[in-house]
């Protein structure tokens, strides 16, 4: 080749490049309606590795990544820095633009969607004074996460994150009373005609019921691609907890009757008949949280080594039973099974109602009537809590769930305040007094809630 002219060598190099390009083109040929494409396309289809298998494909995103060639990583890092700068300088339009650009470059990186969705719903929303403005950014975070699910359809983590936002940010934040109202009737009445934002809550359902749908989807995705958020026994718990939180929130809002009772019954059914019957993988095999002796026997026969005799099967069953108890403790399953069963009974509902009505009477300045109602409510809690303890050995007044504990302590604060406002000393003994000393962490939160409720009332 040394005898060839420079021009001829260039022609030969060009010919070699063309010849090498032909097999590359044949191998990488995309699939069409008429053809399965090249070997790479066929392998992507066989192992479900194509971009369309992950989620919806955005042509503009693909074009952007193609144009940047090997510079995508540098561009992405710059955009992340810009997004953080815009957030710190409160340039919300710039932040939204930077985030949109980031997801064009990293459409299938779930952590981008999760981080920025959280950032919008929690961090950015907290920067605003108006509750309506805060809700707007909560919606933006929720919509952003929902878009992420479309681009990452197989990700259980993404679907769980959406459900968690609808559940906790709408239902448990400091502004939950406003957010739950806005969830059904959006404050932007000009845009949404006294209804919900259809992109955020298309069917106008309660936020906890929408959260349950997302958690159900997450559980379905988890069967195909394992989630990476928490241990499976807790991850699978969320649909039933959404229903239990829904029923509990109806009581917090003073809504007692058929809807709240049905909510507890539905939550109990979901907990015991769906979640409780799910198969959970443990080292010896598989278990169910609702497994009885017959279930344990059947599971032992299914997973014990072949040829095991009767004694070995019994020992294997005892090992599985220990795992059932262990995982019931991890998920606090026995407590919620007892609590959801008792909450649907009339006495427990009346206890919640008496406490709620006593607080409303207090806010109206009717202290004597409020004191009587609060005392009646606290008194009715005692036998129902004893029932929960009987159905859940080892439970005591100091390890109830946080929501119920806060409700009881808040009722006690209202009750003792009816004496203090009249210049009197509260009685030495009253129902459930011991719970205040046993849960100082909840006491501080309840005191804050008491002052908040009565400041806003005045």
Protein backbone atom coordinates (compact mmCIF):
# COMPACT_ATOMS: atom_id res chain seq x y z
CA UNK A 1 0.00 0.00 0.00
CA UNK A 2 3.06 2.22 0.39
CA UNK A 3 3.28 2.36 -3.42
CA UNK A 4 -0.23 3.83 -3.67
CA UNK A 5 -0.82 7.52 -3.88
CA UNK A 6 -2.42 9.36 -1.04
CA UNK A 7 -5.59 9.73 -3.07
CA UNK A 8 -5.83 6.00 -3.77
CA UNK A 9 -5.25 5.13 -0.12
CA UNK A 10 -8.14 7.37 0.84
CA UNK A 11 -10.38 5.55 -1.65
CA UNK A 12 -9.38 2.21 -0.14
CA UNK A 13 -10.05 3.45 3.40
CA UNK A 14 -13.45 4.70 2.31
CA UNK A 15 -14.23 1.34 0.72
CA UNK A 16 -13.23 -0.49 3.92
CA UNK A 17 -15.48 1.83 5.98
CA UNK A 18 -18.42 1.14 3.64
CA UNK A 19 -17.78 -2.62 3.80
CA UNK A 20 -17.66 -2.50 7.62
CA UNK A 21 -20.82 -0.39 7.75
CA UNK A 22 -22.86 -2.98 5.83
CA UNK A 23 -22.79 -5.73 8.54
CA UNK A 24 -23.30 -3.10 11.24
CA UNK A 25 -26.35 -1.83 9.38
CA UNK A 26 -27.68 -5.36 8.92
CA UNK A 27 -27.13 -6.25 12.58
CA UNK A 28 -28.71 -3.04 13.88
CA UNK A 29 -31.59 -2.78 11.41
CA UNK A 30 -34.75 -1.76 13.36
CA UNK A 31 -37.85 -3.93 13.32
CA UNK A 32 -40.81 -2.96 11.13
CA UNK A 33 -44.27 -4.33 10.47
CA UNK A 34 -42.88 -6.38 7.58
CA UNK A 35 -39.55 -7.42 9.12
CA UNK A 36 -38.20 -8.51 12.50
CA UNK A 37 -35.13 -6.36 11.89
CA UNK A 38 -31.51 -7.24 12.47
CA UNK A 39 -30.01 -9.50 15.08
CA UNK A 40 -29.80 -6.73 17.67
CA UNK A 41 -33.49 -5.84 17.18
CA UNK A 42 -34.44 -9.50 17.52
CA UNK A 43 -32.39 -9.85 20.72
CA UNK A 44 -33.98 -6.70 22.17
CA UNK A 45 -37.41 -8.14 21.44
CA UNK A 46 -36.52 -11.60 22.81
CA UNK A 47 -35.20 -10.26 26.11
CA UNK A 48 -37.59 -7.30 26.34
CA UNK A 49 -34.75 -4.76 26.36
CA UNK A 50 -36.00 -2.20 23.87
CA UNK A 51 -36.81 1.34 24.93
CA UNK A 52 -40.47 0.83 24.08
CA UNK A 53 -40.53 -2.12 26.50
CA UNK A 54 -39.47 0.15 29.35
CA UNK A 55 -42.18 2.74 28.69
CA UNK A 56 -43.49 5.31 26.25
CA UNK A 57 -40.90 6.61 23.80
CA UNK A 58 -40.58 10.37 23.38
CA UNK A 59 -39.21 11.15 19.89
CA UNK A 60 -37.84 14.52 21.02
CA UNK A 61 -35.93 12.80 23.83
CA UNK A 62 -34.39 10.28 21.44
CA UNK A 63 -33.45 13.06 19.01
CA UNK A 64 -31.81 15.11 21.77
CA UNK A 65 -29.71 12.17 22.94
CA UNK A 66 -28.67 11.44 19.35
CA UNK A 67 -27.58 15.02 18.70
CA UNK A 68 -25.53 15.19 21.90
CA UNK A 69 -23.64 11.99 21.02
CA UNK A 70 -21.21 11.37 23.88
CA UNK A 71 -21.88 14.70 25.61
CA UNK A 72 -25.14 13.63 27.28
CA UNK A 73 -23.55 13.08 30.70
CA UNK A 74 -21.94 16.54 30.73
CA UNK A 75 -25.16 18.21 29.61
CA UNK A 76 -27.16 16.34 32.27
CA UNK A 77 -24.77 17.39 35.05
CA UNK A 78 -25.03 21.02 33.97
CA UNK A 79 -28.81 20.84 33.97
CA UNK A 80 -28.86 19.36 37.49
CA UNK A 81 -26.68 22.24 38.68
CA UNK A 82 -28.97 24.73 36.96
CA UNK A 83 -32.06 23.15 38.53
CA UNK A 84 -30.53 23.44 42.01
CA UNK A 85 -29.53 27.07 41.31
CA UNK A 86 -33.05 27.93 40.13
CA UNK A 87 -34.55 26.33 43.25
CA UNK A 88 -32.24 28.25 45.59
CA UNK A 89 -32.92 31.54 43.80
CA UNK A 90 -36.68 30.78 43.66
CA UNK A 91 -36.74 30.97 39.86
CA UNK A 92 -39.65 28.55 39.48
CA UNK A 93 -40.06 28.97 35.72
CA UNK A 94 -36.35 28.25 35.22
CA UNK A 95 -36.56 25.25 37.55
CA UNK A 96 -39.47 23.75 35.61
CA UNK A 97 -37.64 24.29 32.32
CA UNK A 98 -34.44 22.68 33.65
CA UNK A 99 -36.32 19.69 35.03
CA UNK A 100 -38.11 19.17 31.70
CA UNK A 101 -34.74 19.20 29.96
CA UNK A 102 -33.27 16.69 32.43
CA UNK A 103 -35.99 14.14 31.78
CA UNK A 104 -35.47 14.50 28.05
CA UNK A 105 -31.89 13.34 28.56
CA UNK A 106 -32.63 10.73 31.25
CA UNK A 107 -36.17 9.50 30.51
CA UNK A 108 -35.66 5.98 31.91
CA UNK A 109 -33.64 6.83 34.99
CA UNK A 110 -36.33 6.45 37.66
CA UNK A 111 -34.38 8.30 40.36
CA UNK A 112 -34.59 11.50 38.28
CA UNK A 113 -38.36 11.33 38.29
CA UNK A 114 -38.57 10.36 41.95
CA UNK A 115 -36.17 13.07 43.16
CA UNK A 116 -37.59 15.91 41.10
CA UNK A 117 -41.20 14.87 41.78
CA UNK A 118 -40.44 14.94 45.51
CA UNK A 119 -38.59 18.23 45.07
CA UNK A 120 -41.60 19.91 43.45
CA UNK A 121 -44.23 18.48 45.81
CA UNK A 122 -42.33 18.94 49.08
CA UNK A 123 -39.47 21.41 48.77
CA UNK A 124 -40.82 23.88 46.21
CA UNK A 125 -44.36 23.84 47.60
CA UNK A 126 -43.03 24.70 51.07
CA UNK A 127 -41.54 27.95 49.70
CA UNK A 128 -45.00 29.44 49.11
CA UNK A 129 -47.15 31.16 51.73
CA UNK A 130 -50.55 30.61 50.15
CA UNK A 131 -52.06 27.15 50.66
CA UNK A 132 -53.47 27.33 47.13
CA UNK A 133 -49.99 27.94 45.71
CA UNK A 134 -48.58 25.09 47.76
CA UNK A 135 -51.25 22.78 46.41
CA UNK A 136 -50.39 23.84 42.86
CA UNK A 137 -46.79 22.65 43.31
CA UNK A 138 -47.92 19.47 45.04
CA UNK A 139 -49.98 18.77 41.93
CA UNK A 140 -47.00 19.54 39.71
CA UNK A 141 -44.94 17.00 41.64
CA UNK A 142 -47.70 14.39 41.38
CA UNK A 143 -48.19 14.98 37.66
CA UNK A 144 -44.46 14.80 37.11
CA UNK A 145 -44.26 11.42 38.86
CA UNK A 146 -47.25 10.13 36.88
CA UNK A 147 -45.49 11.11 33.64
CA UNK A 148 -42.47 9.23 34.91
CA UNK A 149 -44.59 6.09 35.30
CA UNK A 150 -45.56 6.29 31.62
CA UNK A 151 -41.89 6.45 30.66
CA UNK A 152 -41.00 3.67 33.14
CA UNK A 153 -44.01 1.37 33.01
CA UNK A 154 -42.24 -1.58 34.62
CA UNK A 155 -40.96 0.31 37.65
CA UNK A 156 -42.82 -0.60 40.88
CA UNK A 157 -40.80 2.08 42.70
CA UNK A 158 -42.22 4.82 40.48
CA UNK A 159 -45.83 3.69 40.92
CA UNK A 160 -45.35 3.41 44.68
CA UNK A 161 -43.95 6.96 44.78
CA UNK A 162 -47.08 8.33 43.11
CA UNK A 163 -49.32 6.47 45.55
CA UNK A 164 -47.25 7.68 48.48
CA UNK A 165 -47.60 11.31 47.37
CA UNK A 166 -51.39 11.04 46.99
CA UNK A 167 -51.60 9.32 50.35
CA UNK A 168 -49.23 11.19 52.64
CA UNK A 169 -48.75 14.60 51.08
CA UNK A 170 -52.45 15.14 50.52
CA UNK A 171 -53.73 13.27 53.56
CA UNK A 172 -51.12 13.71 56.30
CA UNK A 173 -49.30 17.02 55.73
CA UNK A 174 -49.85 20.08 57.91
CA UNK A 175 -52.25 21.43 55.27
CA UNK A 176 -54.17 18.16 54.91
CA UNK A 177 -57.59 19.70 55.64
CA UNK A 178 -57.16 22.16 52.77
CA UNK A 179 -55.45 19.73 50.42
CA UNK A 180 -58.20 17.12 50.77
CA UNK A 181 -60.81 19.75 49.89
CA UNK A 182 -58.75 21.01 46.96
CA UNK A 183 -58.31 17.43 45.79
CA UNK A 184 -62.06 17.24 45.13
CA UNK A 185 -62.72 20.91 44.29
CA UNK A 186 -59.61 22.60 42.89
CA UNK A 187 -59.02 26.18 44.10
CA UNK A 188 -58.48 27.24 40.47
CA UNK A 189 -62.21 27.36 39.74
CA UNK A 190 -61.77 29.21 36.46
CA UNK A 191 -59.75 26.33 35.00
CA UNK A 192 -61.55 23.39 36.58
CA UNK A 193 -65.20 24.49 37.03
CA UNK A 194 -65.54 23.66 40.72
CA UNK A 195 -64.18 20.17 40.28
CA UNK A 196 -60.83 18.39 40.58
CA UNK A 197 -57.86 18.91 38.32
CA UNK A 198 -58.54 16.08 35.80
CA UNK A 199 -54.86 15.46 35.22
CA UNK A 200 -54.24 14.95 38.96
CA UNK A 201 -57.52 13.35 40.08
CA UNK A 202 -59.40 12.40 36.89
CA UNK A 203 -62.30 10.55 38.56
CA UNK A 204 -62.78 12.91 41.51
CA UNK A 205 -62.10 10.20 44.10
CA UNK A 206 -60.79 10.51 47.65
CA UNK A 207 -57.00 10.80 47.72
CA UNK A 208 -56.59 7.58 49.70
CA UNK A 209 -58.65 5.61 47.21
CA UNK A 210 -56.53 6.98 44.37
CA UNK A 211 -53.41 6.10 46.37
CA UNK A 212 -54.66 2.52 46.75
CA UNK A 213 -54.97 2.20 42.96
CA UNK A 214 -51.35 3.28 42.52
CA UNK A 215 -50.19 0.93 45.30
CA UNK A 216 -52.09 -1.93 43.65
CA UNK A 217 -50.30 -1.16 40.37
CA UNK A 218 -46.97 -1.09 42.23
CA UNK A 219 -47.67 -4.53 43.67
CA UNK A 220 -48.48 -5.87 40.21
CA UNK A 221 -45.25 -4.42 38.78
CA UNK A 222 -43.32 -5.89 41.71
CA UNK A 223 -44.28 -9.38 40.56
CA UNK A 224 -42.35 -8.75 37.32
CA UNK A 225 -39.52 -6.42 38.37
CA UNK A 226 -38.62 -6.42 42.10
CA UNK A 227 -38.90 -3.09 43.90
CA UNK A 228 -35.93 -1.56 45.77
CA UNK A 229 -37.67 0.55 48.43
CA UNK A 230 -38.31 -1.76 51.39
CA UNK A 231 -38.67 -5.42 52.29
CA UNK A 232 -41.53 -7.08 50.33
CA UNK A 233 -43.75 -7.77 53.35
CA UNK A 234 -43.98 -4.00 54.00
CA UNK A 235 -44.17 -2.96 50.35
CA UNK A 236 -47.19 -5.20 49.73
CA UNK A 237 -48.94 -3.72 52.78
CA UNK A 238 -49.68 -0.32 51.28
CA UNK A 239 -53.02 -0.95 49.46
CA UNK A 240 -54.64 -2.15 52.68
CA UNK A 241 -53.08 0.69 54.68
CA UNK A 242 -54.49 3.21 52.20
CA UNK A 243 -58.00 1.92 52.96
CA UNK A 244 -57.37 1.97 56.71
CA UNK A 245 -56.00 5.53 56.49
CA UNK A 246 -59.06 6.51 54.46
CA UNK A 247 -61.42 5.27 57.17
CA UNK A 248 -59.33 6.87 59.92
CA UNK A 249 -59.32 10.22 58.10
CA UNK A 250 -63.11 10.20 57.82
CA UNK A 251 -63.19 10.12 61.63
CA UNK A 252 -60.66 12.97 61.84
CA UNK A 253 -62.99 15.02 59.64
CA UNK A 254 -66.00 14.24 61.82
CA UNK A 255 -67.65 11.98 59.26
CA UNK A 256 -69.23 9.14 61.19
CA UNK A 257 -71.72 6.66 59.83
CA UNK A 258 -72.04 4.22 56.98
CA UNK A 259 -69.09 5.53 54.94
CA UNK A 260 -66.55 5.33 57.77
CA UNK A 261 -67.79 1.96 58.98
CA UNK A 262 -67.67 0.61 55.43
CA UNK A 263 -64.17 2.00 55.10
CA UNK A 264 -62.96 0.03 58.11
CA UNK A 265 -64.73 -3.11 56.90
CA UNK A 266 -63.18 -2.78 53.43
CA UNK A 267 -59.77 -2.14 54.97
CA UNK A 268 -60.10 -5.21 57.20
CA UNK A 269 -61.13 -7.35 54.24
CA UNK A 270 -58.25 -6.07 52.10
CA UNK A 271 -55.83 -6.65 54.96
CA UNK A 272 -56.87 -10.20 55.83
CA UNK A 273 -58.18 -11.63 52.55
CA UNK A 274 -55.78 -10.00 50.07
CA UNK A 275 -52.62 -8.91 51.85
CA UNK A 276 -52.86 -11.62 54.50
CA UNK A 277 -53.15 -14.35 51.85
CA UNK A 278 -50.25 -13.15 49.68
CA UNK A 279 -47.31 -15.52 49.38
CA UNK A 280 -44.13 -14.11 50.95
CA UNK A 281 -40.76 -15.69 50.28
CA UNK A 282 -38.72 -16.61 53.38
CA UNK A 283 -35.55 -18.79 53.70
CA UNK A 284 -37.46 -22.04 54.38
CA UNK A 285 -39.94 -21.49 51.53
CA UNK A 286 -43.07 -19.33 51.43
CA UNK A 287 -45.56 -18.15 54.05
CA UNK A 288 -48.78 -16.14 54.37
CA UNK A 289 -49.43 -13.74 57.23
CA UNK A 290 -52.96 -15.08 57.64
CA UNK A 291 -51.79 -18.71 57.61
CA UNK A 292 -53.62 -21.01 60.05
CA UNK A 293 -52.54 -24.50 61.11
CA UNK A 294 -53.96 -26.09 57.96
CA UNK A 295 -52.16 -23.53 55.78
CA UNK A 296 -48.88 -24.19 57.62
CA UNK A 297 -49.28 -27.90 57.11
CA UNK A 298 -49.93 -27.45 53.38
CA UNK A 299 -46.97 -25.07 53.01
CA UNK A 300 -44.69 -27.50 54.83
CA UNK A 301 -45.70 -30.31 52.49
CA UNK A 302 -45.08 -28.00 49.51
CA UNK A 303 -41.60 -26.75 50.49
CA UNK A 304 -40.11 -29.46 52.72
CA UNK A 305 -37.35 -31.57 51.14
CA UNK A 306 -38.69 -34.52 49.11
CA UNK A 307 -39.08 -37.68 51.14
CA UNK A 308 -39.51 -35.91 54.51
CA UNK A 309 -41.22 -38.09 57.11
CA UNK A 310 -44.04 -36.96 59.39
CA UNK A 311 -41.75 -35.68 62.15
CA UNK A 312 -39.63 -33.72 59.68
CA UNK A 313 -42.74 -32.20 58.13
CA UNK A 314 -43.94 -31.13 61.58
CA UNK A 315 -40.58 -29.52 62.37
CA UNK A 316 -40.58 -27.79 59.00
CA UNK A 317 -44.08 -26.48 59.67
CA UNK A 318 -42.98 -25.16 63.06
CA UNK A 319 -40.13 -23.30 61.35
CA UNK A 320 -42.57 -21.74 58.86
CA UNK A 321 -44.90 -20.79 61.74
CA UNK A 322 -42.03 -18.95 63.44
CA UNK A 323 -41.46 -16.99 60.25
CA UNK A 324 -45.17 -16.12 60.12
CA UNK A 325 -44.99 -14.65 63.64
CA UNK A 326 -41.77 -12.82 62.81
CA UNK A 327 -43.19 -11.19 59.69
CA UNK A 328 -46.46 -10.40 61.44
CA UNK A 329 -44.38 -8.43 63.94
CA UNK A 330 -42.47 -6.67 61.15
CA UNK A 331 -45.71 -5.52 59.50
CA UNK A 332 -47.57 -5.00 62.84
CA UNK A 333 -50.12 -7.25 61.21
CA UNK A 334 -51.91 -8.61 64.28
CA UNK A 335 -52.46 -5.09 65.59
CA UNK A 336 -54.01 -3.81 62.39
CA UNK A 337 -56.13 -6.93 62.02
CA UNK A 338 -57.56 -6.39 65.51
CA UNK A 339 -57.84 -2.61 65.15
CA UNK A 340 -59.62 -2.71 61.78
CA UNK A 341 -62.04 -5.34 63.07
CA UNK A 342 -62.95 -3.39 66.21
CA UNK A 343 -63.13 0.01 64.46
CA UNK A 344 -66.15 -1.16 62.47
CA UNK A 345 -68.04 -1.85 65.72
CA UNK A 346 -70.57 0.66 67.06
CA UNK A 347 -68.87 1.40 70.39
CA UNK A 348 -65.56 2.45 68.83
CA UNK A 349 -67.32 4.71 66.37
CA UNK A 350 -69.28 6.38 69.18
CA UNK A 351 -66.02 6.93 71.10
CA UNK A 352 -64.49 8.74 68.10
CA UNK A 353 -67.67 10.75 67.64
CA UNK A 354 -67.88 11.83 71.30
CA UNK A 355 -64.26 13.00 71.24
CA UNK A 356 -64.78 14.93 68.00
CA UNK A 357 -67.99 16.58 69.22
CA UNK A 358 -66.32 17.48 72.52
CA UNK A 359 -63.56 19.31 70.64
CA UNK A 360 -66.12 21.23 68.58
CA UNK A 361 -68.00 22.25 71.72
CA UNK A 362 -64.71 23.46 73.24
CA UNK A 363 -64.04 25.66 70.21
CA UNK A 364 -67.48 27.21 70.68
CA UNK A 365 -66.68 28.03 74.30
CA UNK A 366 -69.14 25.51 75.76
CA UNK A 367 -66.60 24.09 78.20
CA UNK A 368 -68.88 22.12 80.54
CA UNK A 369 -70.62 20.30 77.68
CA UNK A 370 -67.25 19.75 75.99
CA UNK A 371 -65.80 18.26 79.19
CA UNK A 372 -68.70 15.82 79.48
CA UNK A 373 -68.44 14.69 75.86
CA UNK A 374 -64.66 14.27 76.00
CA UNK A 375 -64.89 12.24 79.21
CA UNK A 376 -67.55 10.00 77.67
CA UNK A 377 -65.44 9.46 74.57
CA UNK A 378 -62.27 8.63 76.52
CA UNK A 379 -64.26 6.25 78.73
CA UNK A 380 -65.62 4.41 75.69
CA UNK A 381 -62.12 3.99 74.28
CA UNK A 382 -61.04 1.91 77.30
CA UNK A 383 -63.09 -1.28 76.69
CA UNK A 384 -62.47 -1.18 72.94
CA UNK A 385 -58.71 -0.81 73.43
CA UNK A 386 -58.86 -3.72 75.86
CA UNK A 387 -60.47 -5.77 73.11
CA UNK A 388 -57.60 -4.92 70.77
CA UNK A 389 -55.11 -5.99 73.46
CA UNK A 390 -56.94 -9.27 74.00
CA UNK A 391 -56.83 -10.04 70.28
CA UNK A 392 -53.19 -8.97 70.04
CA UNK A 393 -51.16 -10.35 72.99
CA UNK A 394 -48.29 -8.12 73.96
CA UNK A 395 -50.08 -4.89 72.99
CA UNK A 396 -50.42 -2.19 75.62
CA UNK A 397 -51.50 1.41 75.82
CA UNK A 398 -48.03 2.64 74.87
CA UNK A 399 -47.66 0.82 71.56
CA UNK A 400 -50.84 1.81 69.77
CA UNK A 401 -50.34 3.31 66.31
CA UNK A 402 -49.37 6.99 66.18
CA UNK A 403 -52.63 8.29 64.72
CA UNK A 404 -54.86 6.71 67.37
CA UNK A 405 -52.42 7.72 70.12
CA UNK A 406 -52.40 11.32 68.92
CA UNK A 407 -56.21 11.38 68.81
CA UNK A 408 -56.45 10.15 72.41
CA UNK A 409 -53.75 12.50 73.74
CA UNK A 410 -55.30 15.45 71.90
CA UNK A 411 -58.66 14.59 73.51
CA UNK A 412 -56.96 14.56 76.93
CA UNK A 413 -55.41 17.98 76.26
CA UNK A 414 -58.84 19.37 75.39
CA UNK A 415 -60.35 17.69 78.46
CA UNK A 416 -57.80 19.09 80.94
CA UNK A 417 -57.97 22.51 79.27
CA UNK A 418 -61.68 22.79 80.09
CA UNK A 419 -60.64 22.90 83.76
CA UNK A 420 -57.62 25.16 83.29
CA UNK A 421 -59.61 27.82 81.42
CA UNK A 422 -62.00 27.99 84.37
CA UNK A 423 -59.12 28.35 86.82
CA UNK A 424 -59.61 24.80 88.09
CA UNK A 425 -57.19 21.95 88.55
CA UNK A 426 -57.83 18.87 86.40
CA UNK A 427 -58.80 15.73 88.34
CA UNK A 428 -56.10 13.35 89.48
CA UNK A 429 -57.58 10.43 87.58
CA UNK A 430 -59.41 10.20 84.29
CA UNK A 431 -59.55 7.58 81.51
CA UNK A 432 -56.30 6.81 79.67
CA UNK A 433 -54.25 9.36 81.63
CA UNK A 434 -51.25 7.01 81.60
CA UNK A 435 -50.89 7.26 77.83
CA UNK A 436 -49.61 10.85 78.09
CA UNK A 437 -46.52 9.87 80.10
CA UNK A 438 -45.84 6.84 77.96
CA UNK A 439 -45.67 8.69 74.62
CA UNK A 440 -43.82 12.01 75.08
CA UNK A 441 -43.02 12.09 71.34
CA UNK A 442 -46.72 12.13 70.44
CA UNK A 443 -47.52 14.54 73.28
CA UNK A 444 -45.44 17.30 71.71
CA UNK A 445 -47.11 16.83 68.36
CA UNK A 446 -50.59 16.81 69.95
CA UNK A 447 -49.87 20.05 71.86
CA UNK A 448 -48.80 21.71 68.60
CA UNK A 449 -51.98 20.51 66.90
CA UNK A 450 -54.11 21.77 69.81
CA UNK A 451 -52.66 25.28 69.55
CA UNK A 452 -52.93 25.25 65.77
CA UNK A 453 -56.60 24.25 65.82
CA UNK A 454 -57.57 26.87 68.34
CA UNK A 455 -55.47 29.64 66.83
CA UNK A 456 -57.08 29.09 63.44
CA UNK A 457 -60.46 28.88 65.16
CA UNK A 458 -60.02 32.28 66.77
